Amino acid sequence: MRIDILCLFPEMFVSPFNQSIVKRAKEQGLIDIMVHNIRDYTHDRHHTVDDYPYGGGPGMVLKPEPVFEAVAAVKQQLNINEIPIILLTPQGRLLNQRVAGELSLHPHLMLICGHYEGVDERVHSHLATDEISIGVKVMSEKALNILREAGAKVDYGKNHAIIPRNLVEEALRKAPRAIKYCARNPKRDFVLNKGEIHFTTGGSPPCIIDWKTGVLYSGGV
């Protein structure tokens, strides 16, 4: 089996793939792993790979162009047209033994590693043939209960929770667009808006204003 991994930080895979079971599988010729840097398929001098989401939305996502080009380059190298292209994303189906068995039947696999807030929606819609997640591991049973009640898929035996995309998007929509920081001297209060960066000295925590009630709490709260 050959596995091609598309990511932004190939160096992170060097050590894990040269240890233990994966190392022995490679030495025995059971598996061949190739890691590709998505930045190699950009065309500007800064090798830009992030952009605003297609259709709008919070945060930054992986641009579709370098991902599509990387996939096309690997296909051309392998001289094949059809290959499972798996997007690794929290919104994907949970990886388990059954899914691993499905994947083991393929001679080639391609894995796309998401970054930033995820990948452009066009990668989901027009490139990936499957989406897989290892889930979110939560050790607190109370936290798992809260996630389940909110709509997440919870596996208590494995302490896994899969949070649907719509819940994340809803939380981001409801998040305040600005945060007010209060100084001891009210004249020095300031509002931190999206996209702004402010530097401050260390010290005691700032005062907090409850954005729902307008109540001012001291720095120790």
Protein backbone atom coordinates (compact mmCIF):
# COMPACT_ATOMS: atom_id res chain seq x y z
CA MET A 1 0.00 0.00 0.00
CA ARG A 2 1.12 3.53 -0.76
CA ILE A 3 -0.12 6.48 1.30
CA ASP A 4 0.44 10.05 0.12
CA ILE A 5 -0.01 12.73 2.78
CA LEU A 6 -0.59 16.37 1.86
CA CYS A 7 0.21 18.77 4.69
CA LEU A 8 1.91 22.04 5.64
CA PHE A 9 4.58 20.63 7.97
CA PRO A 10 6.15 17.46 6.51
CA GLU A 11 8.95 17.47 9.08
CA MET A 12 6.45 16.61 11.81
CA PHE A 13 5.98 13.14 10.29
CA VAL A 14 9.65 12.12 10.16
CA SER A 15 9.95 10.76 13.70
CA PRO A 16 6.54 9.00 14.02
CA PHE A 17 6.99 7.19 10.71
CA ASN A 18 10.43 5.90 11.69
CA GLN A 19 9.36 4.28 14.93
CA SER A 20 7.68 1.08 16.10
CA ILE A 21 5.03 -0.63 13.94
CA VAL A 22 5.08 1.86 11.08
CA LYS A 23 8.86 1.55 10.78
CA ARG A 24 8.70 -2.26 10.65
CA ALA A 25 5.91 -2.15 8.05
CA LYS A 26 8.04 0.13 5.87
CA GLU A 27 11.11 -2.08 6.25
CA GLN A 28 9.09 -5.15 5.25
CA GLY A 29 7.74 -3.39 2.16
CA LEU A 30 4.15 -3.52 3.40
CA ILE A 31 3.63 0.22 3.19
CA ASP A 32 5.16 3.18 1.40
CA ILE A 33 4.48 6.64 2.85
CA MET A 34 5.13 9.82 0.90
CA VAL A 35 4.66 13.25 2.49
CA HIS A 36 4.07 16.32 0.29
CA ASN A 37 4.26 19.97 1.29
CA ILE A 38 1.19 21.85 0.08
CA ARG A 39 3.24 25.07 0.01
CA ASP A 40 5.24 23.63 -2.90
CA TYR A 41 2.14 24.10 -5.06
CA THR A 42 1.71 27.82 -4.45
CA HIS A 43 2.82 30.46 -6.97
CA ASP A 44 3.53 33.58 -4.93
CA ARG A 45 6.80 34.46 -3.26
CA HIS A 46 5.32 34.08 0.22
CA HIS A 47 3.91 30.59 -0.52
CA THR A 48 0.50 31.66 0.75
CA VAL A 49 -1.82 28.77 1.56
CA ASP A 50 -4.57 30.45 3.61
CA ASP A 51 -7.48 32.64 2.58
CA TYR A 52 -10.93 33.73 3.72
CA PRO A 53 -13.63 31.03 3.41
CA TYR A 54 -15.44 30.76 0.07
CA GLY A 55 -18.91 32.15 0.64
CA GLY A 56 -17.91 33.90 3.87
CA GLY A 57 -17.42 32.74 7.43
CA PRO A 58 -15.09 33.18 10.41
CA GLY A 59 -11.33 32.65 10.43
CA MET A 60 -9.00 31.54 7.67
CA VAL A 61 -8.95 28.26 5.76
CA LEU A 62 -6.61 26.39 3.45
CA LYS A 63 -6.90 27.74 -0.10
CA PRO A 64 -8.27 25.23 -2.61
CA GLU A 65 -5.81 25.96 -5.45
CA PRO A 66 -2.62 24.47 -3.93
CA VAL A 67 -4.57 21.49 -2.57
CA PHE A 68 -6.09 20.71 -5.98
CA GLU A 69 -2.69 21.12 -7.66
CA ALA A 70 -0.99 18.85 -5.13
CA VAL A 71 -3.60 16.13 -5.67
CA ALA A 72 -3.24 16.43 -9.47
CA ALA A 73 0.56 16.21 -9.21
CA VAL A 74 0.42 13.02 -7.12
CA LYS A 75 -2.09 11.44 -9.50
CA GLN A 76 0.16 12.27 -12.43
CA GLN A 77 3.17 10.81 -10.63
CA LEU A 78 1.28 7.59 -9.94
CA ASN A 79 -0.28 7.62 -13.43
CA ILE A 80 -3.75 6.96 -12.03
CA ASN A 81 -7.03 8.87 -12.19
CA GLU A 82 -9.06 7.29 -9.40
CA ILE A 83 -7.74 7.20 -5.84
CA PRO A 84 -9.44 7.59 -2.45
CA ILE A 85 -8.82 11.18 -1.34
CA ILE A 86 -9.48 11.42 2.39
CA LEU A 87 -9.86 14.76 4.11
CA LEU A 88 -8.91 14.58 7.78
CA THR A 89 -11.45 16.78 9.52
CA PRO A 90 -13.38 16.83 12.82
CA GLN A 91 -16.60 16.71 10.76
CA GLY A 92 -15.68 13.35 9.21
CA ARG A 93 -16.89 9.88 10.15
CA LEU A 94 -15.15 8.39 13.17
CA LEU A 95 -12.12 6.22 12.44
CA ASN A 96 -12.58 2.75 13.92
CA GLN A 97 -11.51 -0.81 13.13
CA ARG A 98 -14.24 -1.24 10.52
CA VAL A 99 -13.21 1.92 8.68
CA ALA A 100 -9.54 0.92 8.93
CA GLY A 101 -10.47 -2.40 7.33
CA GLU A 102 -12.17 -0.57 4.45
CA LEU A 103 -9.11 1.58 3.85
CA SER A 104 -6.74 -1.40 3.94
CA LEU A 105 -8.39 -2.78 0.78
CA HIS A 106 -7.06 0.10 -1.33
CA PRO A 107 -3.57 -0.08 -2.89
CA HIS A 108 -3.29 3.72 -2.73
CA LEU A 109 -4.63 6.34 -0.33
CA MET A 110 -4.25 10.10 -0.27
CA LEU A 111 -4.71 12.01 2.99
CA ILE A 112 -5.26 15.78 3.18
CA CYS A 113 -4.36 17.30 6.54
CA GLY A 114 -6.47 20.32 7.37
CA HIS A 115 -5.10 23.41 9.10
CA TYR A 116 -6.24 26.84 10.32
CA GLU A 117 -10.06 26.79 10.62
CA GLY A 118 -10.17 23.92 8.12
CA VAL A 119 -10.10 23.79 4.34
CA ASP A 120 -12.04 25.65 1.67
CA GLU A 121 -15.52 24.23 1.11
CA ARG A 122 -14.63 23.41 -2.49
CA VAL A 123 -12.18 20.78 -1.24
CA HIS A 124 -15.03 19.17 0.71
CA SER A 125 -17.44 19.35 -2.22
CA HIS A 126 -15.35 18.69 -5.31
CA LEU A 127 -12.14 16.90 -4.30
CA ALA A 128 -12.38 14.72 -1.20
CA THR A 129 -14.00 11.32 -1.68
CA ASP A 130 -14.21 10.68 2.07
CA GLU A 131 -13.87 12.59 5.34
CA ILE A 132 -12.51 10.93 8.47
CA SER A 133 -11.97 12.06 12.05
CA ILE A 134 -10.36 10.44 15.09
CA GLY A 135 -12.86 12.38 17.18
CA VAL A 136 -12.29 14.62 20.19
CA LYS A 137 -11.01 12.75 23.25
CA VAL A 138 -12.70 14.00 26.43
CA MET A 139 -11.74 12.41 29.75
CA SER A 140 -14.53 14.00 31.83
CA GLU A 141 -17.85 12.14 31.78
CA LYS A 142 -19.66 15.36 32.76
CA ALA A 143 -18.11 17.11 29.76
CA LEU A 144 -19.18 14.22 27.50
CA ASN A 145 -22.73 14.54 28.81
CA ILE A 146 -22.75 18.26 28.04
CA LEU A 147 -21.46 17.64 24.52
CA ARG A 148 -24.04 14.91 23.91
CA GLU A 149 -26.87 17.15 25.10
CA ALA A 150 -25.61 19.87 22.74
CA GLY A 151 -25.83 17.50 19.77
CA ALA A 152 -22.39 15.87 19.55
CA LYS A 153 -21.98 12.16 18.84
CA VAL A 154 -20.41 10.63 21.95
CA ASP A 155 -18.68 7.28 22.49
CA TYR A 156 -18.37 6.87 26.27
CA GLY A 157 -16.28 3.72 25.95
CA LYS A 158 -13.52 5.51 24.05
CA ASN A 159 -14.08 8.99 25.51
CA HIS A 160 -14.64 10.31 22.00
CA ALA A 161 -16.93 13.11 20.89
CA ILE A 162 -17.62 14.19 17.32
CA ILE A 163 -18.90 17.75 17.16
CA PRO A 164 -21.01 18.46 14.05
CA ARG A 165 -19.94 21.37 11.87
CA ASN A 166 -23.23 23.20 12.34
CA LEU A 167 -22.66 23.38 16.11
CA VAL A 168 -19.23 24.93 15.64
CA GLU A 169 -20.53 27.43 13.09
CA GLU A 170 -23.43 28.36 15.36
CA ALA A 171 -21.06 28.95 18.30
CA LEU A 172 -18.85 31.15 16.15
CA ARG A 173 -21.86 33.16 14.96
CA LYS A 174 -22.95 33.76 18.56
CA ALA A 175 -19.47 34.73 19.80
CA PRO A 176 -19.06 38.45 20.56
CA ARG A 177 -17.26 40.36 17.80
CA ALA A 178 -15.50 42.59 20.27
CA ILE A 179 -14.14 42.30 23.82
CA LYS A 180 -13.87 45.28 26.15
CA TYR A 181 -10.81 45.39 28.41
CA CYS A 182 -11.17 47.59 31.47
CA ALA A 183 -8.26 49.36 33.12
CA ARG A 184 -8.17 50.64 36.69
CA ASN A 185 -8.55 54.05 35.13
CA PRO A 186 -11.75 53.92 33.04
CA LYS A 187 -10.24 56.42 30.63
CA ARG A 188 -7.81 53.71 29.52
CA ASP A 189 -10.47 51.10 28.71
CA PHE A 190 -10.29 49.78 25.15
CA VAL A 191 -12.24 47.47 22.89
CA LEU A 192 -10.48 44.62 21.10
CA ASN A 193 -12.12 44.03 17.73
CA LYS A 194 -11.65 41.20 15.29
CA GLY A 195 -8.37 41.39 13.42
CA GLU A 196 -6.67 43.71 15.91
CA ILE A 197 -3.56 42.98 17.97
CA HIS A 198 -2.64 44.77 21.19
CA PHE A 199 0.41 44.31 23.40
CA THR A 200 0.37 44.81 27.13
CA THR A 201 2.63 44.29 30.13
CA GLY A 202 2.20 41.38 32.48
CA GLY A 203 0.61 41.79 35.89
CA SER A 204 -2.69 41.20 37.59
CA PRO A 205 -5.63 40.05 35.45
CA PRO A 206 -7.80 42.74 33.85
CA CYS A 207 -11.23 43.67 35.03
CA ILE A 208 -14.06 41.95 33.20
CA ILE A 209 -17.42 43.27 32.04
CA ASP A 210 -20.15 40.66 31.64
CA TRP A 211 -21.33 41.35 28.07
CA LYS A 212 -24.81 40.02 28.86
CA THR A 213 -25.52 42.03 32.01
CA GLY A 214 -23.02 44.88 31.82
CA VAL A 215 -21.78 44.07 35.35
CA LEU A 216 -18.15 45.06 36.03
CA TYR A 217 -16.09 42.47 37.92
CA SER A 218 -12.77 43.15 39.64
CA GLY A 219 -9.51 41.80 38.24
CA GLY A 220 -9.47 38.94 40.73
CA VAL A 221 -12.72 37.43 39.45
